[in-house]
């Protein structure tokens, strides 16, 4: 192995979770901060809770509601128009290559 290209290894790196739990692991980073750990993760605790980082669930709900308000015929027409445009461009490109 080449010398002096590997990061420094810290056998006792401290990991701090946003729930307040902390533990030590071996890592190349001296301190690690995480949002969720085995002390607060629903799989390990058995307690159901909503884990929402950055409002992602709310953004998804807003997109879903907005999509439900759009008439389905409009969506199909737009999808068909984009598909036709793509296939038309592909056919034109093939014709140009053949010339």
PDB file of N, CA and C in Angstrom:
ATOM      1  N   UNK A   1       0.836  -1.186   0.000  1.00  0.00           N
ATOM      2  CA  UNK A   1       0.000   0.000   0.000  1.00  0.00           C
ATOM      3  C   UNK A   1       0.882   1.251   0.000  1.00  0.00           C
ATOM      4  N   UNK A   2       0.411   2.289  -0.644  1.00  0.00           N
ATOM      5  CA  UNK A   2       1.165   3.533  -0.677  1.00  0.00           C
ATOM      6  C   UNK A   2       1.125   4.218   0.676  1.00  0.00           C
ATOM      7  N   UNK A   3       2.202   4.872   1.028  1.00  0.00           N
ATOM      8  CA  UNK A   3       2.278   5.583   2.299  1.00  0.00           C
ATOM      9  C   UNK A   3       1.728   6.993   2.134  1.00  0.00           C
ATOM     10  N   UNK A   4       1.170   7.502   3.210  1.00  0.00           N
ATOM     11  CA  UNK A   4       0.696   8.885   3.332  1.00  0.00           C
ATOM     12  C   UNK A   4      -0.468   9.246   2.400  1.00  0.00           C
ATOM     13  N   UNK A   5      -1.258   8.281   1.937  1.00  0.00           N
ATOM     14  CA  UNK A   5      -2.435   8.624   1.139  1.00  0.00           C
ATOM     15  C   UNK A   5      -3.731   8.275   1.870  1.00  0.00           C
ATOM     16  N   UNK A   6      -3.626   7.537   2.965  1.00  0.00           N
ATOM     17  CA  UNK A   6      -4.814   7.093   3.685  1.00  0.00           C
ATOM     18  C   UNK A   6      -5.172   8.096   4.779  1.00  0.00           C
ATOM     19  N   UNK A   7      -6.456   8.312   5.016  1.00  0.00           N
ATOM     20  CA  UNK A   7      -6.852   9.239   6.081  1.00  0.00           C
ATOM     21  C   UNK A   7      -6.512   8.669   7.456  1.00  0.00           C
ATOM     22  N   UNK A   8      -6.418   9.542   8.415  1.00  0.00           N
ATOM     23  CA  UNK A   8      -6.106   9.127   9.780  1.00  0.00           C
ATOM     24  C   UNK A   8      -7.308   8.383  10.368  1.00  0.00           C
ATOM     25  N   UNK A   9      -7.049   7.276  11.041  1.00  0.00           N
ATOM     26  CA  UNK A   9      -8.109   6.460  11.634  1.00  0.00           C
ATOM     27  C   UNK A   9      -8.231   6.792  13.115  1.00  0.00           C
ATOM     28  N   UNK A  10      -9.459   7.067  13.562  1.00  0.00           N
ATOM     29  CA  UNK A  10      -9.748   7.365  14.966  1.00  0.00           C
ATOM     30  C   UNK A  10     -10.520   6.187  15.552  1.00  0.00           C
ATOM     31  N   UNK A  11      -9.886   5.391  16.412  1.00  0.00           N
ATOM     32  CA  UNK A  11     -10.572   4.205  16.944  1.00  0.00           C
ATOM     33  C   UNK A  11     -11.698   4.536  17.916  1.00  0.00           C
ATOM     34  N   UNK A  12     -11.700   5.727  18.476  1.00  0.00           N
ATOM     35  CA  UNK A  12     -12.730   6.115  19.441  1.00  0.00           C
ATOM     36  C   UNK A  12     -13.447   7.388  18.990  1.00  0.00           C
ATOM     37  N   UNK A  13     -14.027   7.389  17.807  1.00  0.00           N
ATOM     38  CA  UNK A  13     -14.789   8.539  17.321  1.00  0.00           C
ATOM     39  C   UNK A  13     -16.123   8.592  18.049  1.00  0.00           C
ATOM     40  N   UNK A  14     -16.496   9.793  18.453  1.00  0.00           N
ATOM     41  CA  UNK A  14     -17.756   9.945  19.177  1.00  0.00           C
ATOM     42  C   UNK A  14     -18.879  10.280  18.199  1.00  0.00           C
ATOM     43  N   UNK A  15     -19.979   9.525  18.295  1.00  0.00           N
ATOM     44  CA  UNK A  15     -21.164   9.750  17.465  1.00  0.00           C
ATOM     45  C   UNK A  15     -22.242  10.346  18.358  1.00  0.00           C
ATOM     46  N   UNK A  16     -22.767  11.512  17.958  1.00  0.00           N
ATOM     47  CA  UNK A  16     -23.843  12.169  18.714  1.00  0.00           C
ATOM     48  C   UNK A  16     -25.086  12.208  17.848  1.00  0.00           C
ATOM     49  N   UNK A  17     -26.198  11.789  18.423  1.00  0.00           N
ATOM     50  CA  UNK A  17     -27.484  11.794  17.726  1.00  0.00           C
ATOM     51  C   UNK A  17     -28.281  13.019  18.154  1.00  0.00           C
ATOM     52  N   UNK A  18     -29.229  13.442  17.321  1.00  0.00           N
ATOM     53  CA  UNK A  18     -30.063  14.595  17.657  1.00  0.00           C
ATOM     54  C   UNK A  18     -30.984  14.295  18.845  1.00  0.00           C
ATOM     55  N   UNK A  19     -31.193  12.995  19.166  1.00  0.00           N
ATOM     56  CA  UNK A  19     -32.031  12.636  20.319  1.00  0.00           C
ATOM     57  C   UNK A  19     -31.264  12.755  21.633  1.00  0.00           C
ATOM     58  N   UNK A  20     -29.943  12.940  21.556  1.00  0.00           N
ATOM     59  CA  UNK A  20     -29.132  13.088  22.758  1.00  0.00           C
ATOM     60  C   UNK A  20     -28.252  11.886  23.054  1.00  0.00           C
ATOM     61  N   UNK A  21     -28.467  10.783  22.389  1.00  0.00           N
ATOM     62  CA  UNK A  21     -27.660   9.584  22.608  1.00  0.00           C
ATOM     63  C   UNK A  21     -26.271   9.775  21.997  1.00  0.00           C
ATOM     64  N   UNK A  22     -25.277   9.158  22.603  1.00  0.00           N
ATOM     65  CA  UNK A  22     -23.925   9.193  22.041  1.00  0.00           C
ATOM     66  C   UNK A  22     -23.244   7.854  22.297  1.00  0.00           C
ATOM     67  N   UNK A  23     -22.359   7.480  21.368  1.00  0.00           N
ATOM     68  CA  UNK A  23     -21.606   6.237  21.499  1.00  0.00           C
ATOM     69  C   UNK A  23     -20.321   6.377  20.682  1.00  0.00           C
ATOM     70  N   UNK A  24     -19.397   5.461  20.862  1.00  0.00           N
ATOM     71  CA  UNK A  24     -18.106   5.517  20.195  1.00  0.00           C
ATOM     72  C   UNK A  24     -17.983   4.416  19.143  1.00  0.00           C
ATOM     73  N   UNK A  25     -17.374   4.765  18.015  1.00  0.00           N
ATOM     74  CA  UNK A  25     -17.097   3.819  16.941  1.00  0.00           C
ATOM     75  C   UNK A  25     -15.738   4.164  16.336  1.00  0.00           C
ATOM     76  N   UNK A  26     -15.199   3.275  15.527  1.00  0.00           N
ATOM     77  CA  UNK A  26     -13.980   3.573  14.805  1.00  0.00           C
ATOM     78  C   UNK A  26     -14.321   4.232  13.480  1.00  0.00           C
ATOM     79  N   UNK A  27     -13.643   5.330  13.146  1.00  0.00           N
ATOM     80  CA  UNK A  27     -13.945   6.065  11.931  1.00  0.00           C
ATOM     81  C   UNK A  27     -12.759   6.923  11.522  1.00  0.00           C
ATOM     82  N   UNK A  28     -12.831   7.469  10.324  1.00  0.00           N
ATOM     83  CA  UNK A  28     -11.816   8.410   9.874  1.00  0.00           C
ATOM     84  C   UNK A  28     -12.155   9.831  10.296  1.00  0.00           C
ATOM     85  N   UNK A  29     -13.354  10.017  10.843  1.00  0.00           N
ATOM     86  CA  UNK A  29     -13.763  11.332  11.336  1.00  0.00           C
ATOM     87  C   UNK A  29     -13.725  11.324  12.857  1.00  0.00           C
ATOM     88  N   UNK A  30     -13.180  12.364  13.495  1.00  0.00           N
ATOM     89  CA  UNK A  30     -13.089  12.362  14.958  1.00  0.00           C
ATOM     90  C   UNK A  30     -14.443  12.519  15.649  1.00  0.00           C
ATOM     91  N   UNK A  31     -15.355  13.299  15.064  1.00  0.00           N
ATOM     92  CA  UNK A  31     -16.690  13.496  15.637  1.00  0.00           C
ATOM     93  C   UNK A  31     -17.721  13.352  14.527  1.00  0.00           C
ATOM     94  N   UNK A  32     -18.824  12.658  14.838  1.00  0.00           N
ATOM     95  CA  UNK A  32     -19.886  12.430  13.863  1.00  0.00           C
ATOM     96  C   UNK A  32     -21.209  12.837  14.491  1.00  0.00           C
ATOM     97  N   UNK A  33     -22.020  13.600  13.735  1.00  0.00           N
ATOM     98  CA  UNK A  33     -23.356  13.980  14.198  1.00  0.00           C
ATOM     99  C   UNK A  33     -24.375  13.379  13.240  1.00  0.00           C
ATOM    100  N   UNK A  34     -25.359  12.641  13.790  1.00  0.00           N
ATOM    101  CA  UNK A  34     -26.393  11.993  12.989  1.00  0.00           C
ATOM    102  C   UNK A  34     -27.770  12.463  13.430  1.00  0.00           C
ATOM    103  N   UNK A  35     -28.748  12.313  12.552  1.00  0.00           N
ATOM    104  CA  UNK A  35     -30.116  12.720  12.861  1.00  0.00           C
ATOM    105  C   UNK A  35     -30.897  11.631  13.578  1.00  0.00           C
ATOM    106  N   UNK A  36     -30.559  10.380  13.303  1.00  0.00           N
ATOM    107  CA  UNK A  36     -31.309   9.278  13.888  1.00  0.00           C
ATOM    108  C   UNK A  36     -30.359   8.118  14.174  1.00  0.00           C
ATOM    109  N   UNK A  37     -30.597   7.424  15.278  1.00  0.00           N
ATOM    110  CA  UNK A  37     -29.733   6.302  15.668  1.00  0.00           C
ATOM    111  C   UNK A  37     -30.609   5.143  16.149  1.00  0.00           C
ATOM    112  N   UNK A  38     -29.967   4.085  16.612  1.00  0.00           N
ATOM    113  CA  UNK A  38     -30.732   2.918  17.070  1.00  0.00           C
ATOM    114  C   UNK A  38     -31.517   3.208  18.344  1.00  0.00           C
ATOM    115  N   UNK A  39     -31.154   4.254  19.078  1.00  0.00           N
ATOM    116  CA  UNK A  39     -31.888   4.597  20.304  1.00  0.00           C
ATOM    117  C   UNK A  39     -33.219   5.275  20.011  1.00  0.00           C
ATOM    118  N   UNK A  40     -33.330   5.920  18.847  1.00  0.00           N
ATOM    119  CA  UNK A  40     -34.561   6.650  18.549  1.00  0.00           C
ATOM    120  C   UNK A  40     -35.241   6.195  17.251  1.00  0.00           C
ATOM    121  N   UNK A  41     -34.652   5.259  16.512  1.00  0.00           N
ATOM    122  CA  UNK A  41     -35.250   4.792  15.264  1.00  0.00           C
ATOM    123  C   UNK A  41     -36.477   3.931  15.559  1.00  0.00           C
ATOM    124  N   UNK A  42     -37.596   4.148  14.829  1.00  0.00           N
ATOM    125  CA  UNK A  42     -38.834   3.391  15.089  1.00  0.00           C
ATOM    126  C   UNK A  42     -38.679   1.881  14.957  1.00  0.00           C
ATOM    127  N   UNK A  43     -37.800   1.409  14.097  1.00  0.00           N
ATOM    128  CA  UNK A  43     -37.615  -0.029  13.944  1.00  0.00           C
ATOM    129  C   UNK A  43     -37.089  -0.661  15.228  1.00  0.00           C
ATOM    130  N   UNK A  44     -36.163   0.005  15.893  1.00  0.00           N
ATOM    131  CA  UNK A  44     -35.556  -0.538  17.109  1.00  0.00           C
ATOM    132  C   UNK A  44     -36.379  -0.242  18.356  1.00  0.00           C
ATOM    133  N   UNK A  45     -37.090   0.896  18.385  1.00  0.00           N
ATOM    134  CA  UNK A  45     -37.853   1.262  19.579  1.00  0.00           C
ATOM    135  C   UNK A  45     -39.266   0.688  19.570  1.00  0.00           C
ATOM    136  N   UNK A  46     -39.816   0.424  18.399  1.00  0.00           N
ATOM    137  CA  UNK A  46     -41.179  -0.093  18.307  1.00  0.00           C
ATOM    138  C   UNK A  46     -42.226   0.994  18.418  1.00  0.00           C
ATOM    139  N   UNK A  47     -41.824   2.239  18.517  1.00  0.00           N
ATOM    140  CA  UNK A  47     -42.738   3.369  18.636  1.00  0.00           C
ATOM    141  C   UNK A  47     -42.866   4.027  17.271  1.00  0.00           C
ATOM    142  N   UNK A  48     -44.101   4.146  16.778  1.00  0.00           N
ATOM    143  CA  UNK A  48     -44.302   4.791  15.485  1.00  0.00           C
ATOM    144  C   UNK A  48     -44.201   6.301  15.659  1.00  0.00           C
ATOM    145  N   UNK A  49     -43.431   6.921  14.763  1.00  0.00           N
ATOM    146  CA  UNK A  49     -43.378   8.377  14.738  1.00  0.00           C
ATOM    147  C   UNK A  49     -43.015   8.814  13.336  1.00  0.00           C
ATOM    148  N   UNK A  50     -43.403  10.012  12.983  1.00  0.00           N
ATOM    149  CA  UNK A  50     -43.146  10.549  11.655  1.00  0.00           C
ATOM    150  C   UNK A  50     -41.757  11.174  11.650  1.00  0.00           C
ATOM    151  N   UNK A  51     -40.900  10.675  10.777  1.00  0.00           N
ATOM    152  CA  UNK A  51     -39.565  11.233  10.630  1.00  0.00           C
ATOM    153  C   UNK A  51     -39.578  12.063   9.362  1.00  0.00           C
ATOM    154  N   UNK A  52     -39.561  13.376   9.517  1.00  0.00           N
ATOM    155  CA  UNK A  52     -39.666  14.275   8.378  1.00  0.00           C
ATOM    156  C   UNK A  52     -38.471  15.218   8.381  1.00  0.00           C
ATOM    157  N   UNK A  53     -37.611  15.041   7.417  1.00  0.00           N
ATOM    158  CA  UNK A  53     -36.442  15.890   7.308  1.00  0.00           C
ATOM    159  C   UNK A  53     -36.692  16.933   6.236  1.00  0.00           C
ATOM    160  N   UNK A  54     -36.718  18.165   6.618  1.00  0.00           N
ATOM    161  CA  UNK A  54     -36.860  19.239   5.641  1.00  0.00           C
ATOM    162  C   UNK A  54     -38.251  19.372   5.050  1.00  0.00           C
ATOM    163  N   UNK A  55     -39.301  18.875   5.710  1.00  0.00           N
ATOM    164  CA  UNK A  55     -40.667  19.019   5.223  1.00  0.00           C
ATOM    165  C   UNK A  55     -40.974  18.200   3.986  1.00  0.00           C
ATOM    166  N   UNK A  56     -40.298  17.093   3.784  1.00  0.00           N
ATOM    167  CA  UNK A  56     -40.478  16.285   2.578  1.00  0.00           C
ATOM    168  C   UNK A  56     -41.866  15.670   2.500  1.00  0.00           C
ATOM    169  N   UNK A  57     -42.385  15.238   3.638  1.00  0.00           N
ATOM    170  CA  UNK A  57     -43.718  14.622   3.645  1.00  0.00           C
ATOM    171  C   UNK A  57     -44.765  15.655   3.256  1.00  0.00           C
ATOM    172  N   UNK A  58     -44.661  16.862   3.798  1.00  0.00           N
ATOM    173  CA  UNK A  58     -45.622  17.913   3.481  1.00  0.00           C
ATOM    174  C   UNK A  58     -45.534  18.306   2.006  1.00  0.00           C
ATOM    175  N   UNK A  59     -44.322  18.394   1.460  1.00  0.00           N
ATOM    176  CA  UNK A  59     -44.167  18.710   0.038  1.00  0.00           C
ATOM    177  C   UNK A  59     -44.801  17.626  -0.831  1.00  0.00           C
ATOM    178  N   UNK A  60     -44.637  16.361  -0.433  1.00  0.00           N
ATOM    179  CA  UNK A  60     -45.240  15.253  -1.181  1.00  0.00           C
ATOM    180  C   UNK A  60     -46.756  15.351  -1.150  1.00  0.00           C
ATOM    181  N   UNK A  61     -47.314  15.647   0.011  1.00  0.00           N
ATOM    182  CA  UNK A  61     -48.779  15.777   0.121  1.00  0.00           C
ATOM    183  C   UNK A  61     -49.293  16.918  -0.746  1.00  0.00           C
ATOM    184  N   UNK A  62     -48.572  18.040  -0.772  1.00  0.00           N
ATOM    185  CA  UNK A  62     -48.989  19.167  -1.598  1.00  0.00           C
ATOM    186  C   UNK A  62     -48.966  18.801  -3.081  1.00  0.00           C
ATOM    187  N   UNK A  63     -47.930  18.080  -3.531  1.00  0.00           N
ATOM    188  CA  UNK A  63     -47.859  17.670  -4.933  1.00  0.00           C
ATOM    189  C   UNK A  63     -48.991  16.713  -5.268  1.00  0.00           C
ATOM    190  N   UNK A  64     -49.298  15.801  -4.348  1.00  0.00           N
ATOM    191  CA  UNK A  64     -50.365  14.837  -4.571  1.00  0.00           C
ATOM    192  C   UNK A  64     -51.710  15.535  -4.692  1.00  0.00           C
ATOM    193  N   UNK A  65     -51.969  16.498  -3.814  1.00  0.00           N
ATOM    194  CA  UNK A  65     -53.226  17.240  -3.866  1.00  0.00           C
ATOM    195  C   UNK A  65     -53.322  18.060  -5.150  1.00  0.00           C
ATOM    196  N   UNK A  66     -52.227  18.681  -5.559  1.00  0.00           N
ATOM    197  CA  UNK A  66     -52.230  19.477  -6.786  1.00  0.00           C
ATOM    198  C   UNK A  66     -52.477  18.590  -8.003  1.00  0.00           C
ATOM    199  N   UNK A  67     -51.900  17.407  -8.011  1.00  0.00           N
ATOM    200  CA  UNK A  67     -52.100  16.483  -9.128  1.00  0.00           C
ATOM    201  C   UNK A  67     -53.538  15.985  -9.171  1.00  0.00           C
ATOM    202  N   UNK A  68     -54.176  15.841  -8.016  1.00  0.00           N
ATOM    203  CA  UNK A  68     -55.553  15.363  -7.968  1.00  0.00           C
ATOM    204  C   UNK A  68     -56.521  16.415  -8.519  1.00  0.00           C
ATOM    205  N   UNK A  69     -56.147  17.684  -8.422  1.00  0.00           N
ATOM    206  CA  UNK A  69     -57.013  18.766  -8.891  1.00  0.00           C
ATOM    207  C   UNK A  69     -56.984  18.917 -10.412  1.00  0.00           C
ATOM    208  N   UNK A  70     -55.911  18.482 -11.061  1.00  0.00           N
ATOM    209  CA  UNK A  70     -55.785  18.600 -12.514  1.00  0.00           C
ATOM    210  C   UNK A  70     -56.646  17.533 -13.174  1.00  0.00           C
ATOM    211  N   UNK A  71     -57.473  17.915 -14.161  1.00  0.00           N
ATOM    212  CA  UNK A  71     -58.293  16.914 -14.854  1.00  0.00           C
ATOM    213  C   UNK A  71     -57.406  15.877 -15.548  1.00  0.00           C
ATOM    214  N   UNK A  72     -57.833  14.629 -15.507  1.00  0.00           N
ATOM    215  CA  UNK A  72     -57.025  13.544 -16.057  1.00  0.00           C
ATOM    216  C   UNK A  72     -56.877  13.646 -17.567  1.00  0.00           C
ATOM    217  N   UNK A  73     -57.873  14.176 -18.275  1.00  0.00           N
ATOM    218  CA  UNK A  73     -57.782  14.307 -19.726  1.00  0.00           C
ATOM    219  C   UNK A  73     -56.621  15.221 -20.111  1.00  0.00           C
ATOM    220  N   UNK A  74     -56.434  16.290 -19.348  1.00  0.00           N
ATOM    221  CA  UNK A  74     -55.345  17.223 -19.620  1.00  0.00           C
ATOM    222  C   UNK A  74     -54.002  16.531 -19.459  1.00  0.00           C
ATOM    223  N   UNK A  75     -53.864  15.733 -18.420  1.00  0.00           N
ATOM    224  CA  UNK A  75     -52.615  15.029 -18.165  1.00  0.00           C
ATOM    225  C   UNK A  75     -52.304  14.069 -19.304  1.00  0.00           C
ATOM    226  N   UNK A  76     -53.301  13.336 -19.783  1.00  0.00           N
ATOM    227  CA  UNK A  76     -53.089  12.388 -20.871  1.00  0.00           C
ATOM    228  C   UNK A  76     -52.685  13.104 -22.149  1.00  0.00           C
ATOM    229  N   UNK A  77     -53.322  14.244 -22.453  1.00  0.00           N
ATOM    230  CA  UNK A  77     -52.989  14.995 -23.659  1.00  0.00           C
ATOM    231  C   UNK A  77     -51.549  15.489 -23.606  1.00  0.00           C
ATOM    232  N   UNK A  78     -51.134  15.990 -22.468  1.00  0.00           N
ATOM    233  CA  UNK A  78     -49.768  16.492 -22.315  1.00  0.00           C
ATOM    234  C   UNK A  78     -48.779  15.346 -22.462  1.00  0.00           C
ATOM    235  N   UNK A  79     -49.064  14.207 -21.846  1.00  0.00           N
ATOM    236  CA  UNK A  79     -48.173  13.059 -21.940  1.00  0.00           C
ATOM    237  C   UNK A  79     -48.083  12.572 -23.381  1.00  0.00           C
ATOM    238  N   UNK A  80     -49.212  12.524 -24.067  1.00  0.00           N
ATOM    239  CA  UNK A  80     -49.223  12.066 -25.450  1.00  0.00           C
ATOM    240  C   UNK A  80     -48.447  13.036 -26.335  1.00  0.00           C
ATOM    241  N   UNK A  81     -48.612  14.329 -26.107  1.00  0.00           N
ATOM    242  CA  UNK A  81     -47.914  15.332 -26.907  1.00  0.00           C
ATOM    243  C   UNK A  81     -46.403  15.219 -26.721  1.00  0.00           C
ATOM    244  N   UNK A  82     -45.934  15.031 -25.517  1.00  0.00           N
ATOM    245  CA  UNK A  82     -44.494  14.908 -25.293  1.00  0.00           C
ATOM    246  C   UNK A  82     -43.963  13.619 -25.896  1.00  0.00           C
ATOM    247  N   UNK A  83     -44.739  12.558 -25.829  1.00  0.00           N
ATOM    248  CA  UNK A  83     -44.301  11.288 -26.409  1.00  0.00           C
ATOM    249  C   UNK A  83     -44.202  11.417 -27.933  1.00  0.00           C
ATOM    250  N   UNK A  84     -45.207  12.044 -28.559  1.00  0.00           N
ATOM    251  CA  UNK A  84     -45.195  12.230 -30.007  1.00  0.00           C
ATOM    252  C   UNK A  84     -44.006  13.090 -30.428  1.00  0.00           C
ATOM    253  N   UNK A  85     -43.707  14.117 -29.663  1.00  0.00           N
ATOM    254  CA  UNK A  85     -42.585  14.994 -29.977  1.00  0.00           C
ATOM    255  C   UNK A  85     -41.276  14.230 -29.939  1.00  0.00           C
ATOM    256  N   UNK A  86     -41.105  13.382 -28.938  1.00  0.00           N
ATOM    257  CA  UNK A  86     -39.878  12.610 -28.812  1.00  0.00           C
ATOM    258  C   UNK A  86     -39.722  11.634 -29.971  1.00  0.00           C
ATOM    259  N   UNK A  87     -40.810  10.952 -30.331  1.00  0.00           N
ATOM    260  CA  UNK A  87     -40.712   9.976 -31.416  1.00  0.00           C
ATOM    261  C   UNK A  87     -40.492  10.676 -32.739  1.00  0.00           C
ATOM    262  N   UNK A  88     -41.097  11.843 -32.938  1.00  0.00           N
ATOM    263  CA  UNK A  88     -40.905  12.600 -34.171  1.00  0.00           C
ATOM    264  C   UNK A  88     -39.445  13.032 -34.303  1.00  0.00           C
ATOM    265  N   UNK A  89     -38.851  13.502 -33.232  1.00  0.00           N
ATOM    266  CA  UNK A  89     -37.456  13.912 -33.256  1.00  0.00           C
ATOM    267  C   UNK A  89     -36.549  12.723 -33.559  1.00  0.00           C
ATOM    268  N   UNK A  90     -36.867  11.578 -32.994  1.00  0.00           N
ATOM    269  CA  UNK A  90     -36.058  10.381 -33.222  1.00  0.00           C
ATOM    270  C   UNK A  90     -36.128   9.954 -34.682  1.00  0.00           C
ATOM    271  N   UNK A  91     -37.315  10.019 -35.278  1.00  0.00           N
ATOM    272  CA  UNK A  91     -37.492   9.640 -36.683  1.00  0.00           C
ATOM    273  C   UNK A  91     -36.719  10.598 -37.589  1.00  0.00           C
ATOM    274  N   UNK A  92     -36.784  11.893 -37.294  1.00  0.00           N
ATOM    275  CA  UNK A  92     -36.064  12.889 -38.085  1.00  0.00           C
ATOM    276  C   UNK A  92     -34.559  12.675 -37.987  1.00  0.00           C
ATOM    277  N   UNK A  93     -34.085  12.346 -36.793  1.00  0.00           N
ATOM    278  CA  UNK A  93     -32.653  12.114 -36.608  1.00  0.00           C
ATOM    279  C   UNK A  93     -32.194  10.913 -37.398  1.00  0.00           C
ATOM    280  N   UNK A  94     -32.990   9.856 -37.433  1.00  0.00           N
ATOM    281  CA  UNK A  94     -32.637   8.657 -38.202  1.00  0.00           C
ATOM    282  C   UNK A  94     -32.590   8.960 -39.701  1.00  0.00           C
ATOM    283  N   UNK A  95     -33.531   9.763 -40.178  1.00  0.00           N
ATOM    284  CA  UNK A  95     -33.557  10.119 -41.596  1.00  0.00           C
ATOM    285  C   UNK A  95     -32.309  10.915 -41.981  1.00  0.00           C
ATOM    286  N   UNK A  96     -31.882  11.831 -41.100  1.00  0.00           N
ATOM    287  CA  UNK A  96     -30.704  12.647 -41.370  1.00  0.00           C
ATOM    288  C   UNK A  96     -29.451  11.789 -41.407  1.00  0.00           C
ATOM    289  N   UNK A  97     -29.374  10.789 -40.549  1.00  0.00           N
ATOM    290  CA  UNK A  97     -28.226   9.906 -40.508  1.00  0.00           C
ATOM    291  C   UNK A  97     -28.139   9.094 -41.792  1.00  0.00           C
ATOM    292  N   UNK A  98     -29.257   8.624 -42.319  1.00  0.00           N
ATOM    293  CA  UNK A  98     -29.304   7.826 -43.531  1.00  0.00           C
ATOM    294  C   UNK A  98     -28.872   8.615 -44.762  1.00  0.00           C
ATOM    295  N   UNK A  99     -29.105   9.922 -44.764  1.00  0.00           N
ATOM    296  CA  UNK A  99     -28.764  10.776 -45.939  1.00  0.00           C
ATOM    297  C   UNK A  99     -27.308  10.894 -46.027  1.00  0.00           C
TER     298      UNK A  99
END
